[in-house]
């Protein structure tokens, strides 16, 4: 879910790769059957946050215990390659 959220933030929302990687995310899997939301998630729809909408739809919602670490690279229309390493893992590649 982390990778998908970063890709959608870049391609659909038009975010820069660094902003997309560092943005708060959510995660859900089969067990536990809970939507985990990172602190700082402020996305809203019709004035209500993601957590409120999910509770209205009878989903269990809780704080994220841990989330995927994402690293991403993009090439802009200008041909410049930009990369981002997730601050959730120190913001640098392993070994640096």
PDB file of N, CA and C in Angstrom:
ATOM      1  N   UNK A   1       0.818  -1.198   0.000  1.00  0.00           N
ATOM      2  CA  UNK A   1       0.000   0.000   0.000  1.00  0.00           C
ATOM      3  C   UNK A   1       0.859   1.259   0.000  1.00  0.00           C
ATOM      4  N   UNK A   2       2.035   1.187   0.601  1.00  0.00           N
ATOM      5  CA  UNK A   2       2.918   2.357   0.633  1.00  0.00           C
ATOM      6  C   UNK A   2       3.365   2.765  -0.751  1.00  0.00           C
ATOM      7  N   UNK A   3       3.799   1.788  -1.541  1.00  0.00           N
ATOM      8  CA  UNK A   3       4.258   2.080  -2.898  1.00  0.00           C
ATOM      9  C   UNK A   3       3.123   2.657  -3.734  1.00  0.00           C
ATOM     10  N   UNK A   4       1.952   2.061  -3.657  1.00  0.00           N
ATOM     11  CA  UNK A   4       0.808   2.546  -4.421  1.00  0.00           C
ATOM     12  C   UNK A   4       0.459   3.978  -4.041  1.00  0.00           C
ATOM     13  N   UNK A   5       0.466   4.298  -2.760  1.00  0.00           N
ATOM     14  CA  UNK A   5       0.133   5.651  -2.338  1.00  0.00           C
ATOM     15  C   UNK A   5       1.142   6.669  -2.864  1.00  0.00           C
ATOM     16  N   UNK A   6       2.427   6.304  -2.871  1.00  0.00           N
ATOM     17  CA  UNK A   6       3.443   7.204  -3.410  1.00  0.00           C
ATOM     18  C   UNK A   6       3.234   7.404  -4.907  1.00  0.00           C
ATOM     19  N   UNK A   7       3.014   6.320  -5.644  1.00  0.00           N
ATOM     20  CA  UNK A   7       2.788   6.418  -7.092  1.00  0.00           C
ATOM     21  C   UNK A   7       1.565   7.291  -7.388  1.00  0.00           C
ATOM     22  N   UNK A   8       0.471   7.082  -6.679  1.00  0.00           N
ATOM     23  CA  UNK A   8      -0.730   7.886  -6.907  1.00  0.00           C
ATOM     24  C   UNK A   8      -0.501   9.353  -6.550  1.00  0.00           C
ATOM     25  N   UNK A   9       0.241   9.606  -5.478  1.00  0.00           N
ATOM     26  CA  UNK A   9       0.533  10.994  -5.105  1.00  0.00           C
ATOM     27  C   UNK A   9       1.316  11.708  -6.197  1.00  0.00           C
ATOM     28  N   UNK A  10       2.233  11.003  -6.852  1.00  0.00           N
ATOM     29  CA  UNK A  10       3.029  11.613  -7.923  1.00  0.00           C
ATOM     30  C   UNK A  10       2.196  11.748  -9.201  1.00  0.00           C
ATOM     31  N   UNK A  11       1.574  10.649  -9.640  1.00  0.00           N
ATOM     32  CA  UNK A  11       0.894  10.644 -10.937  1.00  0.00           C
ATOM     33  C   UNK A  11      -0.470  11.332 -10.938  1.00  0.00           C
ATOM     34  N   UNK A  12      -1.232  11.171  -9.881  1.00  0.00           N
ATOM     35  CA  UNK A  12      -2.586  11.731  -9.851  1.00  0.00           C
ATOM     36  C   UNK A  12      -2.612  13.105  -9.197  1.00  0.00           C
ATOM     37  N   UNK A  13      -1.919  13.240  -8.068  1.00  0.00           N
ATOM     38  CA  UNK A  13      -1.939  14.508  -7.349  1.00  0.00           C
ATOM     39  C   UNK A  13      -0.867  15.483  -7.817  1.00  0.00           C
ATOM     40  N   UNK A  14       0.080  15.013  -8.630  1.00  0.00           N
ATOM     41  CA  UNK A  14       1.117  15.889  -9.155  1.00  0.00           C
ATOM     42  C   UNK A  14       2.155  16.328  -8.136  1.00  0.00           C
ATOM     43  N   UNK A  15       2.352  15.529  -7.090  1.00  0.00           N
ATOM     44  CA  UNK A  15       3.315  15.881  -6.049  1.00  0.00           C
ATOM     45  C   UNK A  15       4.742  15.599  -6.498  1.00  0.00           C
ATOM     46  N   UNK A  16       5.690  16.343  -5.951  1.00  0.00           N
ATOM     47  CA  UNK A  16       7.104  16.040  -6.145  1.00  0.00           C
ATOM     48  C   UNK A  16       7.397  14.723  -5.424  1.00  0.00           C
ATOM     49  N   UNK A  17       8.371  13.963  -5.926  1.00  0.00           N
ATOM     50  CA  UNK A  17       8.648  12.636  -5.391  1.00  0.00           C
ATOM     51  C   UNK A  17       9.006  12.682  -3.899  1.00  0.00           C
ATOM     52  N   UNK A  18       9.775  13.648  -3.465  1.00  0.00           N
ATOM     53  CA  UNK A  18      10.143  13.743  -2.054  1.00  0.00           C
ATOM     54  C   UNK A  18       8.944  13.980  -1.148  1.00  0.00           C
ATOM     55  N   UNK A  19       8.032  14.842  -1.590  1.00  0.00           N
ATOM     56  CA  UNK A  19       6.809  15.108  -0.820  1.00  0.00           C
ATOM     57  C   UNK A  19       5.920  13.868  -0.783  1.00  0.00           C
ATOM     58  N   UNK A  20       5.831  13.171  -1.910  1.00  0.00           N
ATOM     59  CA  UNK A  20       4.982  11.975  -1.990  1.00  0.00           C
ATOM     60  C   UNK A  20       5.491  10.872  -1.066  1.00  0.00           C
ATOM     61  N   UNK A  21       6.817  10.713  -0.988  1.00  0.00           N
ATOM     62  CA  UNK A  21       7.413   9.669  -0.143  1.00  0.00           C
ATOM     63  C   UNK A  21       7.251  10.005   1.336  1.00  0.00           C
ATOM     64  N   UNK A  22       7.367  11.266   1.700  1.00  0.00           N
ATOM     65  CA  UNK A  22       7.339  11.631   3.121  1.00  0.00           C
ATOM     66  C   UNK A  22       5.931  11.857   3.668  1.00  0.00           C
ATOM     67  N   UNK A  23       4.932  11.903   2.807  1.00  0.00           N
ATOM     68  CA  UNK A  23       3.549  12.146   3.237  1.00  0.00           C
ATOM     69  C   UNK A  23       3.037  11.006   4.120  1.00  0.00           C
ATOM     70  N   UNK A  24       2.237  11.321   5.154  1.00  0.00           N
ATOM     71  CA  UNK A  24       1.654  10.260   5.986  1.00  0.00           C
ATOM     72  C   UNK A  24       0.808   9.312   5.147  1.00  0.00           C
ATOM     73  N   UNK A  25       0.816   8.041   5.542  1.00  0.00           N
ATOM     74  CA  UNK A  25       0.104   7.010   4.781  1.00  0.00           C
ATOM     75  C   UNK A  25      -0.795   6.173   5.699  1.00  0.00           C
ATOM     76  N   UNK A  26      -1.580   5.332   5.060  1.00  0.00           N
ATOM     77  CA  UNK A  26      -2.410   4.369   5.795  1.00  0.00           C
ATOM     78  C   UNK A  26      -2.124   2.983   5.250  1.00  0.00           C
ATOM     79  N   UNK A  27      -2.529   1.966   6.013  1.00  0.00           N
ATOM     80  CA  UNK A  27      -2.304   0.581   5.594  1.00  0.00           C
ATOM     81  C   UNK A  27      -3.423  -0.295   6.138  1.00  0.00           C
ATOM     82  N   UNK A  28      -3.845  -1.249   5.320  1.00  0.00           N
ATOM     83  CA  UNK A  28      -4.840  -2.225   5.761  1.00  0.00           C
ATOM     84  C   UNK A  28      -4.469  -3.588   5.199  1.00  0.00           C
ATOM     85  N   UNK A  29      -4.620  -4.599   5.994  1.00  0.00           N
ATOM     86  CA  UNK A  29      -4.409  -5.961   5.521  1.00  0.00           C
ATOM     87  C   UNK A  29      -5.437  -6.855   6.186  1.00  0.00           C
ATOM     88  N   UNK A  30      -5.432  -8.104   5.820  1.00  0.00           N
ATOM     89  CA  UNK A  30      -6.448  -9.027   6.298  1.00  0.00           C
ATOM     90  C   UNK A  30      -6.433  -9.179   7.823  1.00  0.00           C
ATOM     91  N   UNK A  31      -5.260  -9.323   8.394  1.00  0.00           N
ATOM     92  CA  UNK A  31      -5.182  -9.518   9.841  1.00  0.00           C
ATOM     93  C   UNK A  31      -4.046  -8.692  10.412  1.00  0.00           C
ATOM     94  N   UNK A  32      -4.299  -7.801  11.332  1.00  0.00           N
ATOM     95  CA  UNK A  32      -5.606  -7.525  11.935  1.00  0.00           C
ATOM     96  C   UNK A  32      -6.488  -6.728  10.983  1.00  0.00           C
ATOM     97  N   UNK A  33      -7.776  -6.883  11.140  1.00  0.00           N
ATOM     98  CA  UNK A  33      -8.734  -6.226  10.263  1.00  0.00           C
ATOM     99  C   UNK A  33      -8.946  -4.783  10.725  1.00  0.00           C
ATOM    100  N   UNK A  34      -7.892  -3.987  10.614  1.00  0.00           N
ATOM    101  CA  UNK A  34      -7.912  -2.602  11.072  1.00  0.00           C
ATOM    102  C   UNK A  34      -7.198  -1.719  10.062  1.00  0.00           C
ATOM    103  N   UNK A  35      -7.789  -0.576   9.747  1.00  0.00           N
ATOM    104  CA  UNK A  35      -7.130   0.426   8.920  1.00  0.00           C
ATOM    105  C   UNK A  35      -6.179   1.195   9.825  1.00  0.00           C
ATOM    106  N   UNK A  36      -4.890   1.079   9.558  1.00  0.00           N
ATOM    107  CA  UNK A  36      -3.878   1.770  10.363  1.00  0.00           C
ATOM    108  C   UNK A  36      -3.517   3.079   9.682  1.00  0.00           C
ATOM    109  N   UNK A  37      -3.595   4.174  10.422  1.00  0.00           N
ATOM    110  CA  UNK A  37      -3.340   5.505   9.879  1.00  0.00           C
ATOM    111  C   UNK A  37      -2.172   6.143  10.617  1.00  0.00           C
ATOM    112  N   UNK A  38      -1.195   6.656   9.861  1.00  0.00           N
ATOM    113  CA  UNK A  38      -0.054   7.336  10.473  1.00  0.00           C
ATOM    114  C   UNK A  38      -0.479   8.688  11.042  1.00  0.00           C
ATOM    115  N   UNK A  39       0.201   9.121  12.102  1.00  0.00           N
ATOM    116  CA  UNK A  39      -0.070  10.470  12.626  1.00  0.00           C
ATOM    117  C   UNK A  39       0.191  11.514  11.543  1.00  0.00           C
ATOM    118  N   UNK A  40      -0.593  12.546  11.532  1.00  0.00           N
ATOM    119  CA  UNK A  40      -0.404  13.620  10.567  1.00  0.00           C
ATOM    120  C   UNK A  40      -1.197  13.483   9.297  1.00  0.00           C
ATOM    121  N   UNK A  41      -1.929  12.375   9.131  1.00  0.00           N
ATOM    122  CA  UNK A  41      -2.755  12.218   7.925  1.00  0.00           C
ATOM    123  C   UNK A  41      -3.907  13.211   8.036  1.00  0.00           C
ATOM    124  N   UNK A  42      -3.913  14.176   7.140  1.00  0.00           N
ATOM    125  CA  UNK A  42      -4.928  15.236   7.190  1.00  0.00           C
ATOM    126  C   UNK A  42      -5.841  15.222   5.971  1.00  0.00           C
ATOM    127  N   UNK A  43      -5.771  14.161   5.147  1.00  0.00           N
ATOM    128  CA  UNK A  43      -6.624  14.092   3.960  1.00  0.00           C
ATOM    129  C   UNK A  43      -8.089  14.141   4.375  1.00  0.00           C
ATOM    130  N   UNK A  44      -8.866  14.908   3.626  1.00  0.00           N
ATOM    131  CA  UNK A  44     -10.293  15.027   3.923  1.00  0.00           C
ATOM    132  C   UNK A  44     -11.099  14.847   2.645  1.00  0.00           C
ATOM    133  N   UNK A  45     -12.353  14.520   2.823  1.00  0.00           N
ATOM    134  CA  UNK A  45     -13.304  14.458   1.727  1.00  0.00           C
ATOM    135  C   UNK A  45     -14.618  14.980   2.274  1.00  0.00           C
ATOM    136  N   UNK A  46     -15.178  15.982   1.640  1.00  0.00           N
ATOM    137  CA  UNK A  46     -16.394  16.644   2.136  1.00  0.00           C
ATOM    138  C   UNK A  46     -16.236  17.091   3.584  1.00  0.00           C
ATOM    139  N   UNK A  47     -15.045  17.528   3.929  1.00  0.00           N
ATOM    140  CA  UNK A  47     -14.805  18.089   5.255  1.00  0.00           C
ATOM    141  C   UNK A  47     -14.506  17.093   6.357  1.00  0.00           C
ATOM    142  N   UNK A  48     -14.532  15.797   6.064  1.00  0.00           N
ATOM    143  CA  UNK A  48     -14.270  14.796   7.094  1.00  0.00           C
ATOM    144  C   UNK A  48     -12.979  14.056   6.772  1.00  0.00           C
ATOM    145  N   UNK A  49     -12.235  13.715   7.818  1.00  0.00           N
ATOM    146  CA  UNK A  49     -10.982  12.997   7.647  1.00  0.00           C
ATOM    147  C   UNK A  49     -11.189  11.542   7.262  1.00  0.00           C
ATOM    148  N   UNK A  50     -10.104  10.932   6.778  1.00  0.00           N
ATOM    149  CA  UNK A  50     -10.135   9.522   6.375  1.00  0.00           C
ATOM    150  C   UNK A  50     -10.636   8.651   7.521  1.00  0.00           C
ATOM    151  N   UNK A  51     -10.138   8.889   8.730  1.00  0.00           N
ATOM    152  CA  UNK A  51     -10.536   8.063   9.870  1.00  0.00           C
ATOM    153  C   UNK A  51     -12.032   8.169  10.155  1.00  0.00           C
ATOM    154  N   UNK A  52     -12.589   9.364  10.050  1.00  0.00           N
ATOM    155  CA  UNK A  52     -14.021   9.552  10.305  1.00  0.00           C
ATOM    156  C   UNK A  52     -14.855   8.815   9.257  1.00  0.00           C
ATOM    157  N   UNK A  53     -14.492   8.956   7.983  1.00  0.00           N
ATOM    158  CA  UNK A  53     -15.222   8.259   6.922  1.00  0.00           C
ATOM    159  C   UNK A  53     -15.158   6.749   7.105  1.00  0.00           C
ATOM    160  N   UNK A  54     -14.004   6.227   7.437  1.00  0.00           N
ATOM    161  CA  UNK A  54     -13.885   4.778   7.588  1.00  0.00           C
ATOM    162  C   UNK A  54     -14.714   4.281   8.775  1.00  0.00           C
ATOM    163  N   UNK A  55     -14.734   5.042   9.854  1.00  0.00           N
ATOM    164  CA  UNK A  55     -15.570   4.650  10.998  1.00  0.00           C
ATOM    165  C   UNK A  55     -17.056   4.709  10.638  1.00  0.00           C
ATOM    166  N   UNK A  56     -17.454   5.720   9.851  1.00  0.00           N
ATOM    167  CA  UNK A  56     -18.847   5.811   9.397  1.00  0.00           C
ATOM    168  C   UNK A  56     -19.225   4.600   8.552  1.00  0.00           C
ATOM    169  N   UNK A  57     -18.243   4.019   7.862  1.00  0.00           N
ATOM    170  CA  UNK A  57     -18.483   2.823   7.052  1.00  0.00           C
ATOM    171  C   UNK A  57     -18.248   1.536   7.850  1.00  0.00           C
ATOM    172  N   UNK A  58     -18.148   1.675   9.177  1.00  0.00           N
ATOM    173  CA  UNK A  58     -18.037   0.558  10.116  1.00  0.00           C
ATOM    174  C   UNK A  58     -16.709  -0.200  10.023  1.00  0.00           C
ATOM    175  N   UNK A  59     -15.647   0.507   9.665  1.00  0.00           N
ATOM    176  CA  UNK A  59     -14.314  -0.086   9.660  1.00  0.00           C
ATOM    177  C   UNK A  59     -13.632   0.196  10.990  1.00  0.00           C
ATOM    178  N   UNK A  60     -12.824  -0.736  11.442  1.00  0.00           N
ATOM    179  CA  UNK A  60     -11.988  -0.506  12.623  1.00  0.00           C
ATOM    180  C   UNK A  60     -10.806   0.362  12.189  1.00  0.00           C
ATOM    181  N   UNK A  61     -10.507   1.379  12.963  1.00  0.00           N
ATOM    182  CA  UNK A  61      -9.428   2.316  12.639  1.00  0.00           C
ATOM    183  C   UNK A  61      -8.525   2.453  13.852  1.00  0.00           C
ATOM    184  N   UNK A  62      -7.212   2.476  13.604  1.00  0.00           N
ATOM    185  CA  UNK A  62      -6.271   2.646  14.700  1.00  0.00           C
ATOM    186  C   UNK A  62      -4.986   3.288  14.210  1.00  0.00           C
ATOM    187  N   UNK A  63      -4.105   3.594  15.143  1.00  0.00           N
ATOM    188  CA  UNK A  63      -2.819   4.194  14.760  1.00  0.00           C
ATOM    189  C   UNK A  63      -1.930   3.168  14.069  1.00  0.00           C
ATOM    190  N   UNK A  64      -1.097   3.637  13.172  1.00  0.00           N
ATOM    191  CA  UNK A  64      -0.176   2.752  12.454  1.00  0.00           C
ATOM    192  C   UNK A  64       0.880   2.221  13.415  1.00  0.00           C
ATOM    193  N   UNK A  65       1.046   0.912  13.411  1.00  0.00           N
ATOM    194  CA  UNK A  65       2.087   0.296  14.233  1.00  0.00           C
ATOM    195  C   UNK A  65       3.426   0.396  13.532  1.00  0.00           C
ATOM    196  N   UNK A  66       3.427   0.174  12.250  1.00  0.00           N
ATOM    197  CA  UNK A  66       4.612   0.362  11.412  1.00  0.00           C
ATOM    198  C   UNK A  66       4.125   0.432   9.975  1.00  0.00           C
ATOM    199  N   UNK A  67       4.880   1.084   9.127  1.00  0.00           N
ATOM    200  CA  UNK A  67       4.471   1.192   7.731  1.00  0.00           C
ATOM    201  C   UNK A  67       5.636   0.857   6.828  1.00  0.00           C
ATOM    202  N   UNK A  68       5.318   0.608   5.585  1.00  0.00           N
ATOM    203  CA  UNK A  68       6.341   0.282   4.600  1.00  0.00           C
ATOM    204  C   UNK A  68       7.254   1.474   4.378  1.00  0.00           C
ATOM    205  N   UNK A  69       8.509   1.178   4.123  1.00  0.00           N
ATOM    206  CA  UNK A  69       9.476   2.204   3.762  1.00  0.00           C
ATOM    207  C   UNK A  69       9.550   2.222   2.241  1.00  0.00           C
ATOM    208  N   UNK A  70       9.445   3.408   1.658  1.00  0.00           N
ATOM    209  CA  UNK A  70       9.417   3.543   0.204  1.00  0.00           C
ATOM    210  C   UNK A  70      10.576   4.420  -0.251  1.00  0.00           C
ATOM    211  N   UNK A  71      11.221   3.976  -1.312  1.00  0.00           N
ATOM    212  CA  UNK A  71      12.206   4.805  -2.004  1.00  0.00           C
ATOM    213  C   UNK A  71      11.704   4.926  -3.434  1.00  0.00           C
ATOM    214  N   UNK A  72      11.846   6.110  -4.021  1.00  0.00           N
ATOM    215  CA  UNK A  72      11.288   6.324  -5.347  1.00  0.00           C
ATOM    216  C   UNK A  72      12.190   7.210  -6.190  1.00  0.00           C
ATOM    217  N   UNK A  73      12.097   7.022  -7.501  1.00  0.00           N
ATOM    218  CA  UNK A  73      12.842   7.818  -8.467  1.00  0.00           C
ATOM    219  C   UNK A  73      11.873   8.236  -9.568  1.00  0.00           C
ATOM    220  N   UNK A  74      11.969   9.489  -9.993  1.00  0.00           N
ATOM    221  CA  UNK A  74      11.163   9.971 -11.112  1.00  0.00           C
ATOM    222  C   UNK A  74      12.067  10.685 -12.118  1.00  0.00           C
ATOM    223  N   UNK A  75      11.587  10.765 -13.333  1.00  0.00           N
ATOM    224  CA  UNK A  75      12.263  11.576 -14.352  1.00  0.00           C
ATOM    225  C   UNK A  75      11.228  12.575 -14.846  1.00  0.00           C
ATOM    226  N   UNK A  76      11.528  13.841 -14.660  1.00  0.00           N
ATOM    227  CA  UNK A  76      10.596  14.889 -15.047  1.00  0.00           C
ATOM    228  C   UNK A  76      10.583  15.127 -16.542  1.00  0.00           C
ATOM    229  N   UNK A  77       9.634  15.951 -16.987  1.00  0.00           N
ATOM    230  CA  UNK A  77       9.541  16.312 -18.396  1.00  0.00           C
ATOM    231  C   UNK A  77      10.813  17.012 -18.868  1.00  0.00           C
ATOM    232  N   UNK A  78      11.537  17.617 -17.919  1.00  0.00           N
ATOM    233  CA  UNK A  78      12.797  18.295 -18.231  1.00  0.00           C
ATOM    234  C   UNK A  78      13.966  17.317 -18.338  1.00  0.00           C
ATOM    235  N   UNK A  79      13.690  16.014 -18.091  1.00  0.00           N
ATOM    236  CA  UNK A  79      14.725  14.992 -18.184  1.00  0.00           C
ATOM    237  C   UNK A  79      15.536  14.807 -16.918  1.00  0.00           C
ATOM    238  N   UNK A  80      15.286  15.621 -15.915  1.00  0.00           N
ATOM    239  CA  UNK A  80      16.034  15.537 -14.659  1.00  0.00           C
ATOM    240  C   UNK A  80      15.495  14.383 -13.812  1.00  0.00           C
ATOM    241  N   UNK A  81      16.415  13.568 -13.302  1.00  0.00           N
ATOM    242  CA  UNK A  81      16.053  12.448 -12.442  1.00  0.00           C
ATOM    243  C   UNK A  81      16.077  12.934 -10.994  1.00  0.00           C
ATOM    244  N   UNK A  82      15.004  12.635 -10.273  1.00  0.00           N
ATOM    245  CA  UNK A  82      14.900  13.026  -8.863  1.00  0.00           C
ATOM    246  C   UNK A  82      14.583  11.774  -8.052  1.00  0.00           C
ATOM    247  N   UNK A  83      15.204  11.666  -6.904  1.00  0.00           N
ATOM    248  CA  UNK A  83      14.973  10.515  -6.050  1.00  0.00           C
ATOM    249  C   UNK A  83      14.607  10.944  -4.651  1.00  0.00           C
ATOM    250  N   UNK A  84      13.995  10.030  -3.922  1.00  0.00           N
ATOM    251  CA  UNK A  84      13.631  10.298  -2.528  1.00  0.00           C
ATOM    252  C   UNK A  84      13.770   9.017  -1.729  1.00  0.00           C
ATOM    253  N   UNK A  85      14.318   9.157  -0.536  1.00  0.00           N
ATOM    254  CA  UNK A  85      14.451   8.040   0.389  1.00  0.00           C
ATOM    255  C   UNK A  85      13.630   8.355   1.633  1.00  0.00           C
ATOM    256  N   UNK A  86      12.864   7.408   2.082  1.00  0.00           N
ATOM    257  CA  UNK A  86      11.895   7.593   3.151  1.00  0.00           C
ATOM    258  C   UNK A  86      12.543   7.943   4.483  1.00  0.00           C
ATOM    259  N   UNK A  87      12.066   9.016   5.100  1.00  0.00           N
ATOM    260  CA  UNK A  87      12.585   9.416   6.409  1.00  0.00           C
ATOM    261  C   UNK A  87      12.203   8.412   7.492  1.00  0.00           C
ATOM    262  N   UNK A  88      11.244   7.536   7.231  1.00  0.00           N
ATOM    263  CA  UNK A  88      10.858   6.516   8.196  1.00  0.00           C
ATOM    264  C   UNK A  88      12.019   5.545   8.478  1.00  0.00           C
ATOM    265  N   UNK A  89      12.992   5.542   7.587  1.00  0.00           N
ATOM    266  CA  UNK A  89      14.167   4.669   7.734  1.00  0.00           C
ATOM    267  C   UNK A  89      15.442   5.506   7.720  1.00  0.00           C
ATOM    268  N   UNK A  90      15.354   6.737   8.167  1.00  0.00           N
ATOM    269  CA  UNK A  90      16.521   7.596   8.257  1.00  0.00           C
ATOM    270  C   UNK A  90      16.756   8.467   7.046  1.00  0.00           C
ATOM    271  N   UNK A  91      16.022   8.248   5.948  1.00  0.00           N
ATOM    272  CA  UNK A  91      16.113   9.097   4.781  1.00  0.00           C
ATOM    273  C   UNK A  91      17.335   8.890   3.922  1.00  0.00           C
ATOM    274  N   UNK A  92      18.085   7.808   4.138  1.00  0.00           N
ATOM    275  CA  UNK A  92      19.260   7.520   3.316  1.00  0.00           C
ATOM    276  C   UNK A  92      19.245   6.038   2.941  1.00  0.00           C
ATOM    277  N   UNK A  93      19.955   5.736   1.871  1.00  0.00           N
ATOM    278  CA  UNK A  93      20.082   4.332   1.462  1.00  0.00           C
ATOM    279  C   UNK A  93      20.898   3.559   2.486  1.00  0.00           C
ATOM    280  N   UNK A  94      20.659   2.265   2.601  1.00  0.00           N
ATOM    281  CA  UNK A  94      21.403   1.422   3.523  1.00  0.00           C
ATOM    282  C   UNK A  94      22.883   1.501   3.176  1.00  0.00           C
ATOM    283  N   UNK A  95      23.730   1.590   4.193  1.00  0.00           N
ATOM    284  CA  UNK A  95      25.172   1.631   3.974  1.00  0.00           C
ATOM    285  C   UNK A  95      25.719   3.035   3.883  1.00  0.00           C
ATOM    286  N   UNK A  96      24.866   4.052   3.914  1.00  0.00           N
ATOM    287  CA  UNK A  96      25.358   5.432   3.854  1.00  0.00           C
ATOM    288  C   UNK A  96      25.426   6.025   5.242  1.00  0.00           C
TER     289      UNK A  96
END
